N, C-alpha and C. Protein backbone atom coordinates (compact mmCIF):
# COMPACT_ATOMS: atom_id res chain seq x y z
N MET A 1 130.91 15.19 52.25
CA MET A 1 129.53 15.05 52.62
C MET A 1 128.76 14.57 51.41
N SER A 2 127.97 13.50 51.57
CA SER A 2 127.25 12.95 50.42
C SER A 2 125.90 13.63 50.31
N SER A 3 125.48 13.80 49.08
CA SER A 3 124.17 14.43 48.87
C SER A 3 123.08 13.34 48.82
N ILE A 4 121.95 13.67 49.32
CA ILE A 4 120.82 12.73 49.32
C ILE A 4 119.92 13.10 48.16
N ARG A 5 119.71 12.09 47.28
CA ARG A 5 118.81 12.33 46.15
C ARG A 5 117.46 11.66 46.43
N PRO A 6 116.36 12.32 46.07
CA PRO A 6 115.06 11.70 46.28
C PRO A 6 114.94 10.42 45.45
N HIS A 7 114.26 9.42 46.00
CA HIS A 7 114.05 8.15 45.30
C HIS A 7 113.07 8.37 44.17
N ARG A 8 113.40 7.89 42.99
CA ARG A 8 112.52 8.02 41.84
C ARG A 8 112.09 6.64 41.40
N SER A 9 110.82 6.40 41.37
CA SER A 9 110.30 5.13 40.88
C SER A 9 110.23 5.18 39.36
N SER A 10 110.54 4.06 38.77
CA SER A 10 110.46 4.02 37.31
C SER A 10 109.00 3.98 36.89
N PRO A 11 108.66 4.55 35.75
CA PRO A 11 107.28 4.52 35.28
C PRO A 11 106.76 3.09 35.13
N LEU A 12 107.62 2.16 34.73
CA LEU A 12 107.20 0.77 34.58
C LEU A 12 106.79 0.17 35.93
N LEU A 13 107.55 0.47 36.98
CA LEU A 13 107.24 -0.03 38.31
C LEU A 13 105.89 0.52 38.80
N ILE A 14 105.62 1.78 38.52
CA ILE A 14 104.35 2.39 38.92
C ILE A 14 103.19 1.71 38.20
N VAL A 15 103.34 1.50 36.89
CA VAL A 15 102.28 0.86 36.10
C VAL A 15 102.04 -0.56 36.60
N LEU A 16 103.10 -1.33 36.86
CA LEU A 16 102.95 -2.69 37.35
C LEU A 16 102.27 -2.73 38.71
N SER A 17 102.62 -1.79 39.59
CA SER A 17 101.99 -1.74 40.91
C SER A 17 100.50 -1.45 40.80
N CYS A 18 100.13 -0.53 39.92
CA CYS A 18 98.72 -0.22 39.72
C CYS A 18 97.96 -1.41 39.16
N CYS A 19 98.56 -2.12 38.22
CA CYS A 19 97.92 -3.31 37.64
C CYS A 19 97.70 -4.38 38.71
N LEU A 20 98.68 -4.54 39.58
CA LEU A 20 98.55 -5.53 40.65
C LEU A 20 97.41 -5.16 41.59
N LEU A 21 97.30 -3.90 41.95
CA LEU A 21 96.21 -3.46 42.83
C LEU A 21 94.85 -3.64 42.17
N LEU A 22 94.76 -3.37 40.87
CA LEU A 22 93.49 -3.54 40.18
C LEU A 22 93.10 -5.00 40.04
N ALA A 23 94.07 -5.89 40.02
CA ALA A 23 93.79 -7.32 39.86
C ALA A 23 93.29 -7.96 41.15
N LEU A 24 93.54 -7.32 42.29
CA LEU A 24 93.08 -7.89 43.55
C LEU A 24 91.57 -7.73 43.67
N PRO A 25 90.88 -8.75 44.20
CA PRO A 25 89.44 -8.60 44.38
C PRO A 25 89.13 -7.51 45.39
N ALA A 26 88.07 -6.75 45.09
CA ALA A 26 87.68 -5.69 46.00
C ALA A 26 87.15 -6.31 47.29
N PRO A 27 87.49 -5.71 48.43
CA PRO A 27 86.97 -6.27 49.68
C PRO A 27 85.45 -6.17 49.68
N SER A 28 84.79 -7.22 50.15
CA SER A 28 83.33 -7.17 50.19
C SER A 28 82.90 -6.38 51.41
N ARG A 29 81.71 -5.81 51.30
CA ARG A 29 81.16 -5.02 52.39
C ARG A 29 79.72 -5.45 52.63
N ALA A 30 79.26 -5.26 53.82
CA ALA A 30 77.85 -5.52 54.11
C ALA A 30 77.01 -4.63 53.19
N VAL A 31 75.86 -5.15 52.79
CA VAL A 31 74.98 -4.43 51.87
C VAL A 31 73.59 -4.35 52.50
N THR A 32 72.97 -3.17 52.40
CA THR A 32 71.58 -3.00 52.83
C THR A 32 70.75 -2.67 51.60
N LEU A 33 69.70 -3.46 51.40
CA LEU A 33 68.83 -3.31 50.24
C LEU A 33 67.39 -3.44 50.73
N GLU A 34 66.56 -2.45 50.43
CA GLU A 34 65.17 -2.45 50.89
C GLU A 34 65.07 -2.62 52.41
N GLY A 35 66.03 -2.05 53.13
CA GLY A 35 66.03 -2.12 54.59
C GLY A 35 66.56 -3.43 55.16
N VAL A 36 67.01 -4.32 54.29
CA VAL A 36 67.54 -5.62 54.72
C VAL A 36 69.06 -5.60 54.56
N THR A 37 69.76 -5.94 55.64
CA THR A 37 71.23 -5.95 55.60
C THR A 37 71.74 -7.37 55.48
N PHE A 38 72.66 -7.55 54.55
CA PHE A 38 73.35 -8.83 54.37
C PHE A 38 74.80 -8.65 54.81
N ALA A 39 75.31 -9.65 55.53
CA ALA A 39 76.68 -9.60 56.04
C ALA A 39 77.68 -9.57 54.89
N ASP A 40 78.88 -9.07 55.17
CA ASP A 40 79.91 -9.01 54.13
C ASP A 40 80.46 -10.38 53.77
N SER A 41 80.28 -11.38 54.65
CA SER A 41 80.71 -12.74 54.35
C SER A 41 79.94 -13.70 55.25
N VAL A 42 79.93 -14.97 54.84
CA VAL A 42 79.31 -16.02 55.65
C VAL A 42 80.31 -17.15 55.82
N ASP A 43 80.11 -17.93 56.86
CA ASP A 43 80.99 -19.07 57.12
C ASP A 43 80.41 -20.31 56.46
N ILE A 44 81.19 -20.93 55.57
CA ILE A 44 80.80 -22.20 54.97
C ILE A 44 81.92 -23.19 55.26
N GLU A 45 81.64 -24.13 56.15
CA GLU A 45 82.61 -25.16 56.53
C GLU A 45 83.93 -24.56 57.00
N GLY A 46 83.86 -23.51 57.81
CA GLY A 46 85.05 -22.90 58.38
C GLY A 46 85.76 -21.90 57.50
N ASN A 47 85.20 -21.61 56.32
CA ASN A 47 85.81 -20.63 55.41
C ASN A 47 84.89 -19.43 55.25
N ALA A 48 85.48 -18.24 55.29
CA ALA A 48 84.71 -17.01 55.07
C ALA A 48 84.48 -16.86 53.58
N VAL A 49 83.21 -16.86 53.17
CA VAL A 49 82.85 -16.73 51.76
C VAL A 49 82.19 -15.36 51.60
N PRO A 50 82.75 -14.49 50.74
CA PRO A 50 82.28 -13.11 50.66
C PRO A 50 80.98 -12.93 49.88
N LEU A 51 80.28 -11.88 50.25
CA LEU A 51 79.11 -11.43 49.51
C LEU A 51 79.57 -10.93 48.15
N ARG A 52 78.96 -11.44 47.10
CA ARG A 52 79.34 -11.00 45.75
C ARG A 52 78.33 -10.04 45.14
N GLN A 53 77.03 -10.23 45.48
CA GLN A 53 76.01 -9.36 44.90
C GLN A 53 74.69 -9.54 45.65
N ALA A 54 73.88 -8.53 45.64
CA ALA A 54 72.53 -8.60 46.21
C ALA A 54 71.56 -7.95 45.24
N ALA A 55 70.31 -8.41 45.24
CA ALA A 55 69.34 -7.90 44.26
C ALA A 55 67.92 -8.05 44.80
N LEU A 56 67.03 -7.28 44.21
CA LEU A 56 65.61 -7.27 44.57
C LEU A 56 64.81 -8.01 43.50
N LEU A 57 63.87 -8.86 43.94
CA LEU A 57 62.93 -9.49 43.03
C LEU A 57 61.60 -8.76 43.14
N ARG A 58 61.10 -8.33 41.98
CA ARG A 58 59.79 -7.70 41.90
C ARG A 58 58.85 -8.61 41.14
N TYR A 59 57.59 -8.60 41.55
CA TYR A 59 56.56 -9.33 40.84
C TYR A 59 55.66 -8.30 40.17
N LEU A 60 55.39 -8.48 38.87
CA LEU A 60 54.58 -7.52 38.10
C LEU A 60 55.13 -6.10 38.19
N ARG A 61 56.43 -5.99 38.28
CA ARG A 61 57.19 -4.73 38.27
C ARG A 61 57.04 -3.85 39.51
N PHE A 62 55.98 -4.00 40.28
CA PHE A 62 55.81 -3.06 41.40
C PHE A 62 55.70 -3.73 42.76
N ILE A 63 55.49 -5.04 42.82
CA ILE A 63 55.41 -5.72 44.11
C ILE A 63 56.80 -6.22 44.49
N LYS A 64 57.35 -5.69 45.56
CA LYS A 64 58.67 -6.11 46.03
C LYS A 64 58.49 -7.38 46.85
N VAL A 65 59.01 -8.50 46.34
CA VAL A 65 58.77 -9.80 46.95
C VAL A 65 59.87 -10.18 47.94
N TYR A 66 61.13 -10.11 47.48
CA TYR A 66 62.25 -10.44 48.36
C TYR A 66 63.54 -9.85 47.84
N VAL A 67 64.51 -9.77 48.72
CA VAL A 67 65.86 -9.42 48.32
C VAL A 67 66.73 -10.65 48.55
N ALA A 68 67.66 -10.85 47.63
CA ALA A 68 68.52 -12.03 47.68
C ALA A 68 69.97 -11.61 47.64
N ALA A 69 70.81 -12.38 48.33
CA ALA A 69 72.25 -12.12 48.35
C ALA A 69 72.96 -13.40 47.95
N LEU A 70 73.97 -13.25 47.11
CA LEU A 70 74.76 -14.38 46.63
C LEU A 70 76.17 -14.30 47.22
N TYR A 71 76.58 -15.39 47.88
CA TYR A 71 77.91 -15.50 48.46
C TYR A 71 78.68 -16.56 47.68
N LEU A 72 79.88 -16.20 47.21
CA LEU A 72 80.74 -17.11 46.45
C LEU A 72 82.19 -16.79 46.76
N PRO A 73 83.09 -17.79 46.68
CA PRO A 73 84.51 -17.48 46.84
C PRO A 73 84.95 -16.45 45.80
N PRO A 74 85.92 -15.61 46.12
CA PRO A 74 86.30 -14.51 45.23
C PRO A 74 86.86 -14.96 43.88
N GLU A 75 87.42 -16.16 43.83
CA GLU A 75 88.00 -16.62 42.56
C GLU A 75 86.97 -17.21 41.60
N VAL A 76 85.75 -17.41 42.06
CA VAL A 76 84.71 -18.02 41.22
C VAL A 76 84.07 -16.95 40.34
N LYS A 77 84.07 -17.19 39.04
CA LYS A 77 83.49 -16.24 38.10
C LYS A 77 81.98 -16.49 37.97
N ALA A 78 81.27 -15.51 37.45
CA ALA A 78 79.81 -15.62 37.31
C ALA A 78 79.42 -16.85 36.49
N ALA A 79 80.18 -17.16 35.46
CA ALA A 79 79.88 -18.31 34.60
C ALA A 79 80.05 -19.64 35.33
N GLU A 80 80.73 -19.63 36.48
CA GLU A 80 81.00 -20.85 37.24
C GLU A 80 80.10 -20.99 38.48
N VAL A 81 79.05 -20.19 38.56
CA VAL A 81 78.24 -20.13 39.77
C VAL A 81 77.59 -21.48 40.12
N LEU A 82 77.29 -22.30 39.12
CA LEU A 82 76.65 -23.59 39.39
C LEU A 82 77.66 -24.73 39.50
N ALA A 83 78.95 -24.41 39.46
CA ALA A 83 79.99 -25.43 39.59
C ALA A 83 80.01 -25.98 41.02
N ASP A 84 80.81 -27.00 41.23
CA ASP A 84 80.93 -27.67 42.54
C ASP A 84 81.82 -26.83 43.46
N VAL A 85 81.30 -25.66 43.86
CA VAL A 85 82.03 -24.71 44.71
C VAL A 85 81.11 -24.29 45.85
N PRO A 86 81.69 -23.87 46.99
CA PRO A 86 80.85 -23.39 48.10
C PRO A 86 80.05 -22.17 47.66
N LYS A 87 78.82 -22.09 48.11
CA LYS A 87 77.99 -20.92 47.77
C LYS A 87 76.80 -20.84 48.71
N ARG A 88 76.27 -19.65 48.82
CA ARG A 88 75.03 -19.45 49.58
C ARG A 88 74.17 -18.44 48.84
N LEU A 89 72.89 -18.75 48.79
CA LEU A 89 71.89 -17.80 48.33
C LEU A 89 71.00 -17.54 49.54
N GLU A 90 71.01 -16.30 50.02
CA GLU A 90 70.22 -15.93 51.18
C GLU A 90 69.10 -15.02 50.71
N ILE A 91 67.86 -15.37 51.08
CA ILE A 91 66.70 -14.64 50.60
C ILE A 91 65.91 -14.11 51.80
N ALA A 92 65.71 -12.80 51.83
CA ALA A 92 64.93 -12.15 52.89
C ALA A 92 63.61 -11.69 52.29
N TYR A 93 62.52 -12.13 52.89
CA TYR A 93 61.19 -11.90 52.32
C TYR A 93 60.58 -10.59 52.79
N LEU A 94 59.92 -9.91 51.84
CA LEU A 94 59.25 -8.65 52.11
C LEU A 94 57.74 -8.83 52.17
N VAL A 95 57.27 -10.02 51.76
CA VAL A 95 55.85 -10.37 51.78
C VAL A 95 55.71 -11.78 52.35
N ALA A 96 54.50 -12.14 52.77
CA ALA A 96 54.24 -13.49 53.24
C ALA A 96 54.09 -14.43 52.04
N ILE A 97 54.67 -15.62 52.16
CA ILE A 97 54.57 -16.63 51.10
C ILE A 97 54.33 -17.98 51.77
N GLY A 98 53.38 -18.71 51.24
CA GLY A 98 53.05 -20.02 51.79
C GLY A 98 53.97 -21.11 51.27
N ARG A 99 54.12 -22.16 52.06
CA ARG A 99 54.96 -23.30 51.72
C ARG A 99 54.60 -23.87 50.35
N SER A 100 53.31 -24.02 50.07
CA SER A 100 52.89 -24.62 48.80
C SER A 100 53.31 -23.76 47.60
N ASP A 101 53.39 -22.44 47.79
CA ASP A 101 53.83 -21.57 46.70
C ASP A 101 55.31 -21.78 46.39
N PHE A 102 56.12 -22.03 47.43
CA PHE A 102 57.54 -22.34 47.19
C PHE A 102 57.66 -23.60 46.34
N VAL A 103 56.93 -24.62 46.74
CA VAL A 103 57.02 -25.91 46.05
C VAL A 103 56.55 -25.78 44.61
N LYS A 104 55.45 -25.08 44.40
CA LYS A 104 54.91 -24.90 43.04
C LYS A 104 55.89 -24.15 42.15
N ALA A 105 56.43 -23.04 42.64
CA ALA A 105 57.37 -22.25 41.83
C ALA A 105 58.64 -23.04 41.53
N ALA A 106 59.20 -23.72 42.53
CA ALA A 106 60.42 -24.51 42.34
C ALA A 106 60.18 -25.62 41.33
N THR A 107 59.06 -26.32 41.45
CA THR A 107 58.75 -27.42 40.55
C THR A 107 58.63 -26.94 39.11
N THR A 108 57.96 -25.82 38.91
CA THR A 108 57.77 -25.26 37.57
C THR A 108 59.12 -24.94 36.93
N VAL A 109 60.00 -24.27 37.67
CA VAL A 109 61.30 -23.89 37.12
C VAL A 109 62.17 -25.13 36.87
N LEU A 110 62.15 -26.06 37.80
CA LEU A 110 62.95 -27.28 37.63
C LEU A 110 62.50 -28.07 36.40
N GLU A 111 61.21 -28.13 36.14
CA GLU A 111 60.71 -28.83 34.96
C GLU A 111 61.23 -28.19 33.68
N GLY A 112 61.41 -26.87 33.70
CA GLY A 112 61.95 -26.18 32.53
C GLY A 112 63.46 -26.31 32.38
N ASN A 113 64.15 -26.60 33.49
CA ASN A 113 65.61 -26.67 33.46
C ASN A 113 66.17 -28.08 33.35
N LEU A 114 65.39 -29.10 33.72
CA LEU A 114 65.90 -30.47 33.79
C LEU A 114 65.23 -31.37 32.76
N THR A 115 65.97 -32.35 32.30
CA THR A 115 65.38 -33.37 31.44
C THR A 115 64.54 -34.30 32.31
N PRO A 116 63.63 -35.08 31.70
CA PRO A 116 62.86 -36.04 32.49
C PRO A 116 63.78 -37.02 33.26
N ALA A 117 64.87 -37.43 32.65
CA ALA A 117 65.79 -38.36 33.33
C ALA A 117 66.45 -37.69 34.54
N GLU A 118 66.84 -36.42 34.39
CA GLU A 118 67.44 -35.69 35.52
C GLU A 118 66.42 -35.52 36.64
N ARG A 119 65.19 -35.20 36.30
CA ARG A 119 64.15 -35.04 37.33
C ARG A 119 63.92 -36.35 38.08
N THR A 120 63.90 -37.46 37.32
CA THR A 120 63.70 -38.77 37.96
C THR A 120 64.83 -39.07 38.93
N GLU A 121 66.07 -38.75 38.53
CA GLU A 121 67.24 -38.99 39.38
C GLU A 121 67.18 -38.17 40.66
N LEU A 122 66.64 -36.96 40.57
CA LEU A 122 66.63 -36.04 41.70
C LEU A 122 65.33 -36.06 42.50
N GLN A 123 64.29 -36.72 42.02
CA GLN A 123 62.95 -36.54 42.57
C GLN A 123 62.85 -36.80 44.07
N GLU A 124 63.45 -37.88 44.55
CA GLU A 124 63.36 -38.20 45.97
C GLU A 124 63.99 -37.10 46.82
N ARG A 125 65.12 -36.58 46.36
CA ARG A 125 65.79 -35.50 47.11
C ARG A 125 65.01 -34.19 47.01
N LEU A 126 64.42 -33.92 45.84
CA LEU A 126 63.60 -32.72 45.69
C LEU A 126 62.40 -32.79 46.63
N ASP A 127 61.76 -33.95 46.68
CA ASP A 127 60.60 -34.11 47.58
C ASP A 127 60.99 -33.88 49.03
N ALA A 128 62.17 -34.35 49.42
CA ALA A 128 62.63 -34.18 50.81
C ALA A 128 62.84 -32.70 51.13
N LEU A 129 63.49 -31.98 50.22
CA LEU A 129 63.70 -30.55 50.47
C LEU A 129 62.38 -29.80 50.48
N HIS A 130 61.50 -30.12 49.54
CA HIS A 130 60.22 -29.42 49.47
C HIS A 130 59.38 -29.67 50.71
N ALA A 131 59.49 -30.84 51.29
CA ALA A 131 58.75 -31.14 52.52
C ALA A 131 59.25 -30.31 53.70
N ALA A 132 60.49 -29.82 53.59
CA ALA A 132 61.07 -29.03 54.69
C ALA A 132 60.66 -27.56 54.65
N TYR A 133 60.14 -27.07 53.53
CA TYR A 133 59.73 -25.67 53.44
C TYR A 133 58.68 -25.33 54.50
N ARG A 134 58.68 -24.09 54.95
CA ARG A 134 57.70 -23.56 55.88
C ARG A 134 57.11 -22.27 55.29
N ASP A 135 55.96 -21.87 55.76
CA ASP A 135 55.42 -20.56 55.39
C ASP A 135 56.38 -19.49 55.90
N VAL A 136 56.47 -18.36 55.19
CA VAL A 136 57.30 -17.25 55.66
C VAL A 136 56.46 -15.98 55.79
N GLN A 137 56.91 -15.12 56.67
CA GLN A 137 56.33 -13.81 56.88
C GLN A 137 57.38 -12.75 56.53
N PRO A 138 56.96 -11.50 56.30
CA PRO A 138 57.95 -10.46 56.04
C PRO A 138 59.00 -10.43 57.15
N GLY A 139 60.26 -10.38 56.75
CA GLY A 139 61.37 -10.39 57.70
C GLY A 139 62.03 -11.75 57.84
N ASP A 140 61.34 -12.82 57.44
CA ASP A 140 61.96 -14.15 57.50
C ASP A 140 63.01 -14.28 56.41
N ARG A 141 63.97 -15.20 56.66
CA ARG A 141 65.05 -15.44 55.69
C ARG A 141 65.27 -16.93 55.50
N TYR A 142 65.30 -17.33 54.25
CA TYR A 142 65.78 -18.65 53.89
C TYR A 142 67.22 -18.52 53.43
N ALA A 143 68.05 -19.50 53.76
CA ALA A 143 69.42 -19.57 53.24
C ALA A 143 69.61 -20.96 52.65
N LEU A 144 70.05 -20.99 51.42
CA LEU A 144 70.38 -22.23 50.73
C LEU A 144 71.90 -22.23 50.60
N THR A 145 72.57 -23.15 51.29
CA THR A 145 74.03 -23.17 51.36
C THR A 145 74.55 -24.50 50.85
N TYR A 146 75.47 -24.42 49.88
CA TYR A 146 76.08 -25.64 49.36
C TYR A 146 77.53 -25.74 49.81
N SER A 147 77.87 -26.91 50.39
CA SER A 147 79.25 -27.22 50.79
C SER A 147 79.68 -28.46 50.01
N PRO A 148 80.70 -28.36 49.15
CA PRO A 148 81.15 -29.54 48.40
C PRO A 148 81.46 -30.70 49.34
N GLY A 149 80.96 -31.87 48.99
CA GLY A 149 81.19 -33.06 49.79
C GLY A 149 80.20 -33.22 50.93
N ARG A 150 79.47 -32.18 51.27
CA ARG A 150 78.49 -32.25 52.36
C ARG A 150 77.07 -32.18 51.84
N GLY A 151 76.80 -31.23 50.95
CA GLY A 151 75.47 -31.11 50.38
C GLY A 151 74.90 -29.72 50.50
N THR A 152 73.60 -29.62 50.22
CA THR A 152 72.87 -28.36 50.20
C THR A 152 71.98 -28.29 51.44
N GLU A 153 72.22 -27.26 52.25
CA GLU A 153 71.44 -27.07 53.46
C GLU A 153 70.41 -25.97 53.24
N LEU A 154 69.17 -26.24 53.65
CA LEU A 154 68.13 -25.23 53.68
C LEU A 154 67.94 -24.83 55.14
N ALA A 155 68.05 -23.53 55.41
CA ALA A 155 67.86 -23.02 56.77
C ALA A 155 66.84 -21.89 56.74
N LEU A 156 66.05 -21.80 57.79
CA LEU A 156 65.08 -20.71 57.93
C LEU A 156 65.45 -19.92 59.17
N ASN A 157 65.72 -18.63 58.98
CA ASN A 157 66.09 -17.73 60.08
C ASN A 157 67.25 -18.31 60.91
N GLY A 158 68.21 -18.91 60.22
CA GLY A 158 69.40 -19.44 60.87
C GLY A 158 69.26 -20.84 61.43
N THR A 159 68.07 -21.43 61.34
CA THR A 159 67.86 -22.79 61.85
C THR A 159 67.87 -23.78 60.69
N PRO A 160 68.84 -24.70 60.66
CA PRO A 160 68.88 -25.69 59.57
C PRO A 160 67.63 -26.57 59.59
N LEU A 161 67.05 -26.78 58.39
CA LEU A 161 65.86 -27.62 58.26
C LEU A 161 66.19 -28.98 57.64
N ILE A 162 67.12 -28.99 56.68
CA ILE A 162 67.47 -30.22 55.98
C ILE A 162 68.78 -30.00 55.23
N THR A 163 69.53 -31.08 55.03
CA THR A 163 70.71 -31.07 54.15
C THR A 163 70.52 -32.19 53.14
N VAL A 164 70.68 -31.84 51.86
CA VAL A 164 70.48 -32.78 50.77
C VAL A 164 71.81 -33.01 50.06
N ALA A 165 72.19 -34.27 49.90
CA ALA A 165 73.49 -34.61 49.31
C ALA A 165 73.51 -34.41 47.80
N GLY A 166 74.73 -34.22 47.27
CA GLY A 166 74.95 -34.27 45.84
C GLY A 166 75.22 -32.94 45.17
N ALA A 167 76.33 -32.89 44.42
CA ALA A 167 76.63 -31.70 43.60
C ALA A 167 75.58 -31.55 42.51
N ASP A 168 75.03 -32.67 42.02
CA ASP A 168 73.99 -32.60 40.98
C ASP A 168 72.74 -31.92 41.52
N PHE A 169 72.41 -32.20 42.77
CA PHE A 169 71.25 -31.55 43.39
C PHE A 169 71.50 -30.05 43.52
N ALA A 170 72.67 -29.68 44.02
CA ALA A 170 73.00 -28.25 44.18
C ALA A 170 72.93 -27.53 42.83
N HIS A 171 73.49 -28.13 41.80
CA HIS A 171 73.47 -27.53 40.47
C HIS A 171 72.02 -27.27 40.03
N ALA A 172 71.18 -28.27 40.21
CA ALA A 172 69.78 -28.14 39.80
C ALA A 172 69.04 -27.11 40.66
N TYR A 173 69.23 -27.16 41.97
CA TYR A 173 68.41 -26.32 42.84
C TYR A 173 68.84 -24.85 42.80
N PHE A 174 70.14 -24.59 42.81
CA PHE A 174 70.59 -23.20 42.67
C PHE A 174 70.23 -22.67 41.28
N GLY A 175 70.06 -23.59 40.32
CA GLY A 175 69.66 -23.21 38.97
C GLY A 175 68.28 -22.56 38.92
N ILE A 176 67.46 -22.78 39.95
CA ILE A 176 66.15 -22.13 40.00
C ILE A 176 66.33 -20.61 39.91
N TRP A 177 67.33 -20.08 40.55
CA TRP A 177 67.60 -18.64 40.53
C TRP A 177 68.73 -18.26 39.58
N LEU A 178 69.67 -19.19 39.37
CA LEU A 178 70.91 -18.82 38.67
C LEU A 178 71.14 -19.61 37.38
N GLY A 179 70.23 -20.47 37.01
CA GLY A 179 70.39 -21.32 35.82
C GLY A 179 69.96 -20.65 34.53
N ARG A 180 69.95 -21.43 33.47
CA ARG A 180 69.67 -20.87 32.14
C ARG A 180 68.22 -20.39 31.99
N ASN A 181 67.29 -21.01 32.69
CA ASN A 181 65.88 -20.59 32.68
C ASN A 181 65.44 -20.31 34.12
N PRO A 182 65.87 -19.19 34.68
CA PRO A 182 65.63 -18.94 36.11
C PRO A 182 64.21 -18.50 36.40
N ILE A 183 63.90 -18.43 37.67
CA ILE A 183 62.59 -17.96 38.10
C ILE A 183 62.35 -16.51 37.67
N ASP A 184 63.43 -15.73 37.58
CA ASP A 184 63.33 -14.34 37.14
C ASP A 184 64.65 -13.94 36.48
N ALA A 185 64.58 -13.60 35.19
CA ALA A 185 65.80 -13.30 34.43
C ALA A 185 66.52 -12.06 34.95
N GLN A 186 65.75 -11.04 35.35
CA GLN A 186 66.39 -9.82 35.86
C GLN A 186 67.11 -10.07 37.17
N LEU A 187 66.49 -10.85 38.05
CA LEU A 187 67.15 -11.19 39.32
C LEU A 187 68.45 -11.93 39.04
N ARG A 188 68.43 -12.88 38.12
CA ARG A 188 69.65 -13.63 37.77
C ARG A 188 70.72 -12.67 37.26
N ARG A 189 70.35 -11.78 36.35
CA ARG A 189 71.33 -10.82 35.81
C ARG A 189 71.93 -9.98 36.92
N ASP A 190 71.07 -9.50 37.83
CA ASP A 190 71.54 -8.63 38.92
C ASP A 190 72.46 -9.39 39.87
N LEU A 191 72.13 -10.65 40.20
CA LEU A 191 72.97 -11.43 41.12
C LEU A 191 74.30 -11.81 40.50
N LEU A 192 74.35 -11.95 39.19
CA LEU A 192 75.58 -12.39 38.53
C LEU A 192 76.33 -11.21 37.90
N ARG A 193 76.07 -10.01 38.37
CA ARG A 193 76.72 -8.83 37.84
C ARG A 193 78.10 -8.63 38.47
N PHE A 194 78.98 -9.58 38.19
CA PHE A 194 80.38 -9.49 38.61
C PHE A 194 81.17 -10.30 37.59
N PRO A 195 82.51 -10.10 37.52
CA PRO A 195 83.31 -10.78 36.48
C PRO A 195 83.28 -12.29 36.60
């Protein structure tokens, strides 16, 4: 009669298994912030792109203006957020904001982030996107979605308003929130708080 011995895993195998599990990206989950829920992933050109981070923008420290969610493929690092990769920035408003205020704020930040030559190259496309903005009320959502090869789509409450071509445009426009001189440095830090 043969004796049955319990299986013993080698310590090296256990350590390697733990390292492999830690290296896998954590599954994304839906997030609720300030009463606003963002889905765990969004569809960009038939691919599920996970939620990577969500954050609140405050004005003068106490006025809660909007919450924003950043969707990026799991392999994209924070330093690569403006690269030619699929992405979405979804913004849910907590206050009313007029169309002209969007245009003014975007123009101010773009002037700080772009050279005069870059602005000239992008101006016609910037004007087209800015013309598509609408006034928003609390509860409205804008989504800015970039699909490589297709362009940057601006949608309001799930309704597409315009798509603007060019990776250069996406780099510049997402840079308003995620670039070197963003509209709000704390919001940028909070949205890019992942490896």
